[in-house]
Full PDB file with SEQRES, HELIX, SHEET, SSBOND, CRYST1, ORIGX, SCALE, CONECT and MASTER records, all heavy atoms in Angstrom:
SEQRES   1 A   37  ARG LEU LEU THR GLY LYS TYR PRO GLU SER GLY MET ALA          
SEQRES   2 A   37  TRP LYS ALA LEU ALA ALA SER LEU ARG VAL GLN GLY LYS          
SEQRES   3 A   37  ASP ALA LEU ALA ALA LEU GLN LYS VAL THR CYS                  
HELIX    1 AA1 LEU A    2  LYS A    6  1                                   5    
HELIX    2 AA2 GLY A   11  VAL A   23  1                                  13    
HELIX    3 AA3 LEU A   29  THR A   36  1                                   8    
CRYST1    1.000    1.000    1.000  90.00  90.00  90.00 P 1           1          
ORIGX1      1.000000  0.000000  0.000000        0.00000                         
ORIGX2      0.000000  1.000000  0.000000        0.00000                         
ORIGX3      0.000000  0.000000  1.000000        0.00000                         
SCALE1      1.000000  0.000000  0.000000        0.00000                         
SCALE2      0.000000  1.000000  0.000000        0.00000                         
SCALE3      0.000000  0.000000  1.000000        0.00000                         
ATOM      1  N   ARG A   1    -109.794-107.675 165.045  1.00  0.00           N  
ATOM      2  CA  ARG A   1    -109.870-109.139 165.173  1.00  0.00           C  
ATOM      3  C   ARG A   1    -111.314-109.621 165.083  1.00  0.00           C  
ATOM      4  O   ARG A   1    -111.601-110.645 164.443  1.00  0.00           O  
ATOM      5  CB  ARG A   1    -109.213-109.593 166.461  1.00  0.00           C  
ATOM      6  CG  ARG A   1    -107.690-109.482 166.419  1.00  0.00           C  
ATOM      7  CD  ARG A   1    -107.048-110.170 167.623  1.00  0.00           C  
ATOM      8  NE  ARG A   1    -105.635-109.922 167.654  1.00  0.00           N  
ATOM      9  CZ  ARG A   1    -104.727-110.579 166.934  1.00  0.00           C  
ATOM     10  NH1 ARG A   1    -105.113-111.525 166.093  1.00  0.00           N  
ATOM     11  NH2 ARG A   1    -103.439-110.302 167.050  1.00  0.00           N  
ATOM     12  N   LEU A   2    -112.214-108.891 165.714  1.00  0.00           N  
ATOM     13  CA  LEU A   2    -113.633-109.257 165.621  1.00  0.00           C  
ATOM     14  C   LEU A   2    -114.129-109.159 164.184  1.00  0.00           C  
ATOM     15  O   LEU A   2    -114.833-110.047 163.698  1.00  0.00           O  
ATOM     16  CB  LEU A   2    -114.477-108.346 166.516  1.00  0.00           C  
ATOM     17  CG  LEU A   2    -114.337-108.522 168.020  1.00  0.00           C  
ATOM     18  CD1 LEU A   2    -115.083-107.423 168.770  1.00  0.00           C  
ATOM     19  CD2 LEU A   2    -114.863-109.893 168.423  1.00  0.00           C  
ATOM     20  N   LEU A   3    -113.720-108.085 163.496  1.00  0.00           N  
ATOM     21  CA  LEU A   3    -114.201-107.869 162.125  1.00  0.00           C  
ATOM     22  C   LEU A   3    -113.576-108.852 161.146  1.00  0.00           C  
ATOM     23  O   LEU A   3    -114.239-109.233 160.173  1.00  0.00           O  
ATOM     24  CB  LEU A   3    -113.956-106.410 161.703  1.00  0.00           C  
ATOM     25  CG  LEU A   3    -114.832-105.396 162.441  1.00  0.00           C  
ATOM     26  CD1 LEU A   3    -114.393-103.981 162.101  1.00  0.00           C  
ATOM     27  CD2 LEU A   3    -116.297-105.606 162.092  1.00  0.00           C  
ATOM     28  N   THR A   4    -112.318-109.260 161.367  1.00  0.00           N  
ATOM     29  CA  THR A   4    -111.740-110.258 160.466  1.00  0.00           C  
ATOM     30  C   THR A   4    -112.437-111.604 160.645  1.00  0.00           C  
ATOM     31  O   THR A   4    -112.498-112.378 159.703  1.00  0.00           O  
ATOM     32  CB  THR A   4    -110.222-110.410 160.648  1.00  0.00           C  
ATOM     33  OG1 THR A   4    -109.942-110.761 162.014  1.00  0.00           O  
ATOM     34  CG2 THR A   4    -109.476-109.159 160.252  1.00  0.00           C  
ATOM     35  N   GLY A   5    -112.943-111.855 161.835  1.00  0.00           N  
ATOM     36  CA  GLY A   5    -113.722-113.066 162.045  1.00  0.00           C  
ATOM     37  C   GLY A   5    -115.077-112.989 161.377  1.00  0.00           C  
ATOM     38  O   GLY A   5    -115.574-113.958 160.795  1.00  0.00           O  
ATOM     39  N   LYS A   6    -115.703-111.815 161.441  1.00  0.00           N  
ATOM     40  CA  LYS A   6    -117.019-111.611 160.860  1.00  0.00           C  
ATOM     41  C   LYS A   6    -116.943-111.492 159.345  1.00  0.00           C  
ATOM     42  O   LYS A   6    -117.830-111.960 158.626  1.00  0.00           O  
ATOM     43  CB  LYS A   6    -117.631-110.328 161.455  1.00  0.00           C  
ATOM     44  CG  LYS A   6    -119.037-110.053 161.051  1.00  0.00           C  
ATOM     45  CD  LYS A   6    -119.579-108.848 161.798  1.00  0.00           C  
ATOM     46  CE  LYS A   6    -121.012-108.508 161.404  1.00  0.00           C  
ATOM     47  NZ  LYS A   6    -121.512-107.322 162.107  1.00  0.00           N  
ATOM     48  N   TYR A   7    -115.895-110.831 158.853  1.00  0.00           N  
ATOM     49  CA  TYR A   7    -115.702-110.590 157.423  1.00  0.00           C  
ATOM     50  C   TYR A   7    -114.297-111.071 157.016  1.00  0.00           C  
ATOM     51  O   TYR A   7    -113.410-110.280 156.772  1.00  0.00           O  
ATOM     52  CB  TYR A   7    -115.813-109.101 157.097  1.00  0.00           C  
ATOM     53  CG  TYR A   7    -117.062-108.426 157.566  1.00  0.00           C  
ATOM     54  CD1 TYR A   7    -117.029-107.549 158.661  1.00  0.00           C  
ATOM     55  CD2 TYR A   7    -118.268-108.618 156.925  1.00  0.00           C  
ATOM     56  CE1 TYR A   7    -118.175-106.891 159.082  1.00  0.00           C  
ATOM     57  CE2 TYR A   7    -119.436-107.981 157.347  1.00  0.00           C  
ATOM     58  CZ  TYR A   7    -119.370-107.116 158.428  1.00  0.00           C  
ATOM     59  OH  TYR A   7    -120.508-106.477 158.846  1.00  0.00           O  
ATOM     60  N   PRO A   8    -114.091-112.387 156.935  1.00  0.00           N  
ATOM     61  CA  PRO A   8    -112.744-112.906 156.673  1.00  0.00           C  
ATOM     62  C   PRO A   8    -112.156-112.504 155.321  1.00  0.00           C  
ATOM     63  O   PRO A   8    -110.964-112.584 155.129  1.00  0.00           O  
ATOM     64  CB  PRO A   8    -112.913-114.418 156.802  1.00  0.00           C  
ATOM     65  CG  PRO A   8    -114.370-114.662 156.612  1.00  0.00           C  
ATOM     66  CD  PRO A   8    -115.079-113.434 157.098  1.00  0.00           C  
ATOM     67  N   GLU A   9    -112.987-112.063 154.395  1.00  0.00           N  
ATOM     68  CA  GLU A   9    -112.484-111.656 153.080  1.00  0.00           C  
ATOM     69  C   GLU A   9    -112.402-110.141 152.933  1.00  0.00           C  
ATOM     70  O   GLU A   9    -112.227-109.635 151.822  1.00  0.00           O  
ATOM     71  CB  GLU A   9    -113.376-112.255 151.988  1.00  0.00           C  
ATOM     72  CG  GLU A   9    -113.400-113.781 151.979  1.00  0.00           C  
ATOM     73  CD  GLU A   9    -112.040-114.421 151.883  1.00  0.00           C  
ATOM     74  OE1 GLU A   9    -111.259-114.021 150.981  1.00  0.00           O  
ATOM     75  OE2 GLU A   9    -111.720-115.319 152.693  1.00  0.00           O  
ATOM     76  N   SER A  10    -112.495-109.430 154.035  1.00  0.00           N  
ATOM     77  CA  SER A  10    -112.416-107.962 154.014  1.00  0.00           C  
ATOM     78  C   SER A  10    -110.962-107.525 154.123  1.00  0.00           C  
ATOM     79  O   SER A  10    -110.355-107.610 155.189  1.00  0.00           O  
ATOM     80  CB  SER A  10    -113.237-107.340 155.162  1.00  0.00           C  
ATOM     81  OG  SER A  10    -112.954-105.957 155.233  1.00  0.00           O  
ATOM     82  N   GLY A  11    -110.429-107.005 153.031  1.00  0.00           N  
ATOM     83  CA  GLY A  11    -109.075-106.494 153.042  1.00  0.00           C  
ATOM     84  C   GLY A  11    -108.913-105.344 154.026  1.00  0.00           C  
ATOM     85  O   GLY A  11    -107.885-105.209 154.679  1.00  0.00           O  
ATOM     86  N   MET A  12    -109.967-104.535 154.150  1.00  0.00           N  
ATOM     87  CA  MET A  12    -109.892-103.394 155.054  1.00  0.00           C  
ATOM     88  C   MET A  12    -109.779-103.825 156.523  1.00  0.00           C  
ATOM     89  O   MET A  12    -109.022-103.224 157.289  1.00  0.00           O  
ATOM     90  CB  MET A  12    -111.103-102.479 154.863  1.00  0.00           C  
ATOM     91  CG  MET A  12    -111.061-101.189 155.627  1.00  0.00           C  
ATOM     92  SD  MET A  12    -109.638-100.216 155.113  1.00  0.00           S  
ATOM     93  CE  MET A  12    -109.676 -98.954 156.320  1.00  0.00           C  
ATOM     94  N   ALA A  13    -110.498-104.861 156.889  1.00  0.00           N  
ATOM     95  CA  ALA A  13    -110.412-105.363 158.264  1.00  0.00           C  
ATOM     96  C   ALA A  13    -109.005-105.881 158.545  1.00  0.00           C  
ATOM     97  O   ALA A  13    -108.425-105.604 159.606  1.00  0.00           O  
ATOM     98  CB  ALA A  13    -111.450-106.447 158.502  1.00  0.00           C  
ATOM     99  N   TRP A  14    -108.450-106.629 157.614  1.00  0.00           N  
ATOM    100  CA  TRP A  14    -107.096-107.165 157.765  1.00  0.00           C  
ATOM    101  C   TRP A  14    -106.054-106.043 157.756  1.00  0.00           C  
ATOM    102  O   TRP A  14    -105.064-106.113 158.482  1.00  0.00           O  
ATOM    103  CB  TRP A  14    -106.793-108.194 156.677  1.00  0.00           C  
ATOM    104  CG  TRP A  14    -107.501-109.480 156.955  1.00  0.00           C  
ATOM    105  CD1 TRP A  14    -108.660-109.920 156.381  1.00  0.00           C  
ATOM    106  CD2 TRP A  14    -107.133-110.489 157.889  1.00  0.00           C  
ATOM    107  NE1 TRP A  14    -109.024-111.147 156.902  1.00  0.00           N  
ATOM    108  CE2 TRP A  14    -108.095-111.513 157.835  1.00  0.00           C  
ATOM    109  CE3 TRP A  14    -106.063-110.623 158.768  1.00  0.00           C  
ATOM    110  CZ2 TRP A  14    -108.028-112.650 158.617  1.00  0.00           C  
ATOM    111  CZ3 TRP A  14    -106.003-111.768 159.571  1.00  0.00           C  
ATOM    112  CH2 TRP A  14    -106.980-112.770 159.488  1.00  0.00           C  
ATOM    113  N   LYS A  15    -106.289-105.024 156.939  1.00  0.00           N  
ATOM    114  CA  LYS A  15    -105.361-103.885 156.877  1.00  0.00           C  
ATOM    115  C   LYS A  15    -105.332-103.165 158.223  1.00  0.00           C  
ATOM    116  O   LYS A  15    -104.279-102.793 158.716  1.00  0.00           O  
ATOM    117  CB  LYS A  15    -105.791-102.947 155.749  1.00  0.00           C  
ATOM    118  CG  LYS A  15    -104.829-101.820 155.490  1.00  0.00           C  
ATOM    119  CD  LYS A  15    -105.226-101.049 154.232  1.00  0.00           C  
ATOM    120  CE  LYS A  15    -104.214 -99.968 153.950  1.00  0.00           C  
ATOM    121  NZ  LYS A  15    -104.376 -99.408 152.604  1.00  0.00           N  
ATOM    122  N   ALA A  16    -106.507-102.992 158.818  1.00  0.00           N  
ATOM    123  CA  ALA A  16    -106.589-102.337 160.120  1.00  0.00           C  
ATOM    124  C   ALA A  16    -105.887-103.183 161.187  1.00  0.00           C  
ATOM    125  O   ALA A  16    -105.174-102.636 162.059  1.00  0.00           O  
ATOM    126  CB  ALA A  16    -108.046-102.097 160.491  1.00  0.00           C  
ATOM    127  N   LEU A  17    -106.072-104.487 161.137  1.00  0.00           N  
ATOM    128  CA  LEU A  17    -105.410-105.354 162.091  1.00  0.00           C  
ATOM    129  C   LEU A  17    -103.897-105.266 161.942  1.00  0.00           C  
ATOM    130  O   LEU A  17    -103.188-105.110 162.933  1.00  0.00           O  
ATOM    131  CB  LEU A  17    -105.879-106.812 161.935  1.00  0.00           C  
ATOM    132  CG  LEU A  17    -105.201-107.828 162.832  1.00  0.00           C  
ATOM    133  CD1 LEU A  17    -105.389-107.480 164.320  1.00  0.00           C  
ATOM    134  CD2 LEU A  17    -105.715-109.247 162.528  1.00  0.00           C  
ATOM    135  N   ALA A  18    -103.429-105.325 160.709  1.00  0.00           N  
ATOM    136  CA  ALA A  18    -101.992-105.233 160.474  1.00  0.00           C  
ATOM    137  C   ALA A  18    -101.433-103.916 160.971  1.00  0.00           C  
ATOM    138  O   ALA A  18    -100.378-103.879 161.616  1.00  0.00           O  
ATOM    139  CB  ALA A  18    -101.693-105.403 158.970  1.00  0.00           C  
ATOM    140  N   ALA A  19    -102.136-102.841 160.710  1.00  0.00           N  
ATOM    141  CA  ALA A  19    -101.675-101.517 161.160  1.00  0.00           C  
ATOM    142  C   ALA A  19    -101.619-101.444 162.670  1.00  0.00           C  
ATOM    143  O   ALA A  19    -100.656-100.936 163.255  1.00  0.00           O  
ATOM    144  CB  ALA A  19    -102.605-100.426 160.617  1.00  0.00           C  
ATOM    145  N   SER A  20    -102.646-101.987 163.346  1.00  0.00           N  
ATOM    146  CA  SER A  20    -102.654-101.943 164.804  1.00  0.00           C  
ATOM    147  C   SER A  20    -101.511-102.751 165.377  1.00  0.00           C  
ATOM    148  O   SER A  20    -100.885-102.321 166.358  1.00  0.00           O  
ATOM    149  CB  SER A  20    -103.987-102.430 165.333  1.00  0.00           C  
ATOM    150  OG  SER A  20    -104.151-103.823 165.181  1.00  0.00           O  
ATOM    151  N   LEU A  21    -101.229-103.883 164.788  1.00  0.00           N  
ATOM    152  CA  LEU A  21    -100.132-104.733 165.278  1.00  0.00           C  
ATOM    153  C   LEU A  21     -98.790-104.037 165.049  1.00  0.00           C  
ATOM    154  O   LEU A  21     -97.921-104.031 165.935  1.00  0.00           O  
ATOM    155  CB  LEU A  21    -100.176-106.092 164.584  1.00  0.00           C  
ATOM    156  CG  LEU A  21    -101.372-106.965 164.918  1.00  0.00           C  
ATOM    157  CD1 LEU A  21    -101.407-108.189 164.012  1.00  0.00           C  
ATOM    158  CD2 LEU A  21    -101.372-107.362 166.382  1.00  0.00           C  
ATOM    159  N   ARG A  22     -98.603-103.465 163.860  1.00  0.00           N  
ATOM    160  CA  ARG A  22     -97.329-102.799 163.548  1.00  0.00           C  
ATOM    161  C   ARG A  22     -97.017-101.657 164.506  1.00  0.00           C  
ATOM    162  O   ARG A  22     -95.922-101.560 165.035  1.00  0.00           O  
ATOM    163  CB  ARG A  22     -97.340-102.263 162.124  1.00  0.00           C  
ATOM    164  CG  ARG A  22     -97.075-103.291 161.069  1.00  0.00           C  
ATOM    165  CD  ARG A  22     -96.785-102.699 159.687  1.00  0.00           C  
ATOM    166  NE  ARG A  22     -97.451-101.450 159.382  1.00  0.00           N  
ATOM    167  CZ  ARG A  22     -98.646-101.336 158.816  1.00  0.00           C  
ATOM    168  NH1 ARG A  22     -99.310-102.408 158.468  1.00  0.00           N  
ATOM    169  NH2 ARG A  22     -99.164-100.145 158.568  1.00  0.00           N  
ATOM    170  N   VAL A  23     -98.009-100.792 164.756  1.00  0.00           N  
ATOM    171  CA  VAL A  23     -97.746 -99.638 165.620  1.00  0.00           C  
ATOM    172  C   VAL A  23     -97.536-100.037 167.083  1.00  0.00           C  
ATOM    173  O   VAL A  23     -96.933 -99.284 167.836  1.00  0.00           O  
ATOM    174  CB  VAL A  23     -98.835 -98.544 165.509  1.00  0.00           C  
ATOM    175  CG1 VAL A  23     -98.907 -97.988 164.113  1.00  0.00           C  
ATOM    176  CG2 VAL A  23    -100.179 -99.040 165.979  1.00  0.00           C  
ATOM    177  N   GLN A  24     -98.003-101.204 167.460  1.00  0.00           N  
ATOM    178  CA  GLN A  24     -97.799-101.710 168.826  1.00  0.00           C  
ATOM    179  C   GLN A  24     -96.490-102.520 168.919  1.00  0.00           C  
ATOM    180  O   GLN A  24     -96.160-103.018 169.991  1.00  0.00           O  
ATOM    181  CB  GLN A  24     -98.964-102.567 169.273  1.00  0.00           C  
ATOM    182  CG  GLN A  24    -100.265-101.809 169.426  1.00  0.00           C  
ATOM    183  CD  GLN A  24    -101.376-102.750 169.854  1.00  0.00           C  
ATOM    184  OE1 GLN A  24    -101.575-102.971 171.047  1.00  0.00           O  
ATOM    185  NE2 GLN A  24    -102.082-103.319 168.888  1.00  0.00           N  
ATOM    186  N   GLY A  25     -95.793-102.696 167.817  1.00  0.00           N  
ATOM    187  CA  GLY A  25     -94.567-103.455 167.811  1.00  0.00           C  
ATOM    188  C   GLY A  25     -94.769-104.950 167.886  1.00  0.00           C  
ATOM    189  O   GLY A  25     -93.883-105.708 168.267  1.00  0.00           O  
ATOM    190  N   LYS A  26     -95.941-105.401 167.498  1.00  0.00           N  
ATOM    191  CA  LYS A  26     -96.270-106.818 167.524  1.00  0.00           C  
ATOM    192  C   LYS A  26     -96.044-107.423 166.124  1.00  0.00           C  
ATOM    193  O   LYS A  26     -95.923-106.704 165.124  1.00  0.00           O  
ATOM    194  CB  LYS A  26     -97.730-107.030 167.922  1.00  0.00           C  
ATOM    195  CG  LYS A  26     -98.048-106.583 169.339  1.00  0.00           C  
ATOM    196  CD  LYS A  26     -99.478-106.854 169.694  1.00  0.00           C  
ATOM    197  CE  LYS A  26     -99.811-106.452 171.125  1.00  0.00           C  
ATOM    198  NZ  LYS A  26    -101.230-106.722 171.440  1.00  0.00           N  
ATOM    199  N   ASP A  27     -95.999-108.749 166.062  1.00  0.00           N  
ATOM    200  CA  ASP A  27     -95.804-109.447 164.809  1.00  0.00           C  
ATOM    201  C   ASP A  27     -97.052-109.308 163.931  1.00  0.00           C  
ATOM    202  O   ASP A  27     -98.109-109.836 164.264  1.00  0.00           O  
ATOM    203  CB  ASP A  27     -95.513-110.929 165.092  1.00  0.00           C  
ATOM    204  CG  ASP A  27     -95.260-111.730 163.829  1.00  0.00           C  
ATOM    205  OD1 ASP A  27     -95.092-111.152 162.747  1.00  0.00           O  
ATOM    206  OD2 ASP A  27     -95.250-112.963 163.949  1.00  0.00           O  
ATOM    207  N   ALA A  28     -96.888-108.633 162.810  1.00  0.00           N  
ATOM    208  CA  ALA A  28     -98.009-108.407 161.882  1.00  0.00           C  
ATOM    209  C   ALA A  28     -97.897-109.224 160.606  1.00  0.00           C  
ATOM    210  O   ALA A  28     -98.686-109.042 159.684  1.00  0.00           O  
ATOM    211  CB  ALA A  28     -98.087-106.918 161.565  1.00  0.00           C  
ATOM    212  N   LEU A  29     -96.939-110.127 160.554  1.00  0.00           N  
ATOM    213  CA  LEU A  29     -96.641-110.851 159.312  1.00  0.00           C  
ATOM    214  C   LEU A  29     -97.862-111.569 158.734  1.00  0.00           C  
ATOM    215  O   LEU A  29     -98.172-111.428 157.555  1.00  0.00           O  
ATOM    216  CB  LEU A  29     -95.482-111.820 159.513  1.00  0.00           C  
ATOM    217  CG  LEU A  29     -95.011-112.563 158.251  1.00  0.00           C  
ATOM    218  CD1 LEU A  29     -94.556-111.567 157.192  1.00  0.00           C  
ATOM    219  CD2 LEU A  29     -93.888-113.502 158.606  1.00  0.00           C  
ATOM    220  N   ALA A  30     -98.553-112.356 159.532  1.00  0.00           N  
ATOM    221  CA  ALA A  30     -99.710-113.115 159.033  1.00  0.00           C  
ATOM    222  C   ALA A  30    -100.798-112.191 158.518  1.00  0.00           C  
ATOM    223  O   ALA A  30    -101.386-112.453 157.464  1.00  0.00           O  
ATOM    224  CB  ALA A  30    -100.244-114.029 160.127  1.00  0.00           C  
ATOM    225  N   ALA A  31    -101.054-111.097 159.251  1.00  0.00           N  
ATOM    226  CA  ALA A  31    -102.088-110.152 158.802  1.00  0.00           C  
ATOM    227  C   ALA A  31    -101.657-109.453 157.493  1.00  0.00           C  
ATOM    228  O   ALA A  31    -102.470-109.269 156.600  1.00  0.00           O  
ATOM    229  CB  ALA A  31    -102.349-109.114 159.876  1.00  0.00           C  
ATOM    230  N   LEU A  32    -100.396-109.124 157.393  1.00  0.00           N  
ATOM    231  CA  LEU A  32     -99.898-108.501 156.181  1.00  0.00           C  
ATOM    232  C   LEU A  32     -99.987-109.433 154.979  1.00  0.00           C  
ATOM    233  O   LEU A  32    -100.324-108.997 153.871  1.00  0.00           O  
ATOM    234  CB  LEU A  32     -98.460-108.009 156.376  1.00  0.00           C  
ATOM    235  CG  LEU A  32     -98.301-106.789 157.277  1.00  0.00           C  
ATOM    236  CD1 LEU A  32     -96.839-106.621 157.680  1.00  0.00           C  
ATOM    237  CD2 LEU A  32     -98.827-105.543 156.602  1.00  0.00           C  
ATOM    238  N   GLN A  33     -99.690-110.694 155.197  1.00  0.00           N  
ATOM    239  CA  GLN A  33     -99.799-111.661 154.117  1.00  0.00           C  
ATOM    240  C   GLN A  33    -101.249-111.783 153.647  1.00  0.00           C  
ATOM    241  O   GLN A  33    -101.500-111.866 152.462  1.00  0.00           O  
ATOM    242  CB  GLN A  33     -99.248-113.012 154.559  1.00  0.00           C  
ATOM    243  CG  GLN A  33     -97.757-113.012 154.713  1.00  0.00           C  
ATOM    244  CD  GLN A  33     -97.208-114.262 155.353  1.00  0.00           C  
ATOM    245  OE1 GLN A  33     -97.847-114.883 156.208  1.00  0.00           O  
ATOM    246  NE2 GLN A  33     -96.014-114.654 154.950  1.00  0.00           N  
ATOM    247  N   LYS A  34    -102.161-111.769 154.585  1.00  0.00           N  
ATOM    248  CA  LYS A  34    -103.589-111.850 154.236  1.00  0.00           C  
ATOM    249  C   LYS A  34    -104.012-110.595 153.467  1.00  0.00           C  
ATOM    250  O   LYS A  34    -104.727-110.694 152.461  1.00  0.00           O  
ATOM    251  CB  LYS A  34    -104.414-112.041 155.503  1.00  0.00           C  
ATOM    252  CG  LYS A  34    -105.879-112.262 155.262  1.00  0.00           C  
ATOM    253  CD  LYS A  34    -106.141-113.624 154.707  1.00  0.00           C  
ATOM    254  CE  LYS A  34    -107.643-113.898 154.645  1.00  0.00           C  
ATOM    255  NZ  LYS A  34    -107.953-115.209 154.137  1.00  0.00           N  
ATOM    256  N   VAL A  35    -103.583-109.450 153.932  1.00  0.00           N  
ATOM    257  CA  VAL A  35    -103.926-108.176 153.279  1.00  0.00           C  
ATOM    258  C   VAL A  35    -103.460-108.180 151.822  1.00  0.00           C  
ATOM    259  O   VAL A  35    -104.214-107.825 150.925  1.00  0.00           O  
ATOM    260  CB  VAL A  35    -103.323-106.938 154.006  1.00  0.00           C  
ATOM    261  CG1 VAL A  35    -103.505-105.689 153.183  1.00  0.00           C  
ATOM    262  CG2 VAL A  35    -103.943-106.764 155.347  1.00  0.00           C  
ATOM    263  N   THR A  36    -102.220-108.574 151.597  1.00  0.00           N  
ATOM    264  CA  THR A  36    -101.712-108.522 150.232  1.00  0.00           C  
ATOM    265  C   THR A  36    -102.392-109.517 149.318  1.00  0.00           C  
ATOM    266  O   THR A  36    -102.480-109.292 148.121  1.00  0.00           O  
ATOM    267  CB  THR A  36    -100.172-108.718 150.198  1.00  0.00           C  
ATOM    268  OG1 THR A  36     -99.844-109.920 150.836  1.00  0.00           O  
ATOM    269  CG2 THR A  36     -99.477-107.558 150.881  1.00  0.00           C  
ATOM    270  N   CYS A  37    -102.920-110.599 149.868  1.00  0.00           N  
ATOM    271  CA  CYS A  37    -103.734-111.517 149.060  1.00  0.00           C  
ATOM    272  C   CYS A  37    -105.081-110.910 148.716  1.00  0.00           C  
ATOM    273  O   CYS A  37    -105.556-111.051 147.595  1.00  0.00           O  
ATOM    274  CB  CYS A  37    -103.938-112.839 149.805  1.00  0.00           C  
ATOM    275  SG  CYS A  37    -102.468-113.867 149.890  1.00  0.00           S  
TER     276      CYS A  37                                                      
MASTER        0    0    0    3    0    0    0    6  275    1    0    3          
END                                                                             
């Protein structure tokens, strides 16, 4: 979350956020949409 704020156009930061949310069973939809863009 810190890195997506610092680097909002970093696909890797968003990918890590999405992965962390998925494995915790949290809603990762917004992060996944950003990653695919």
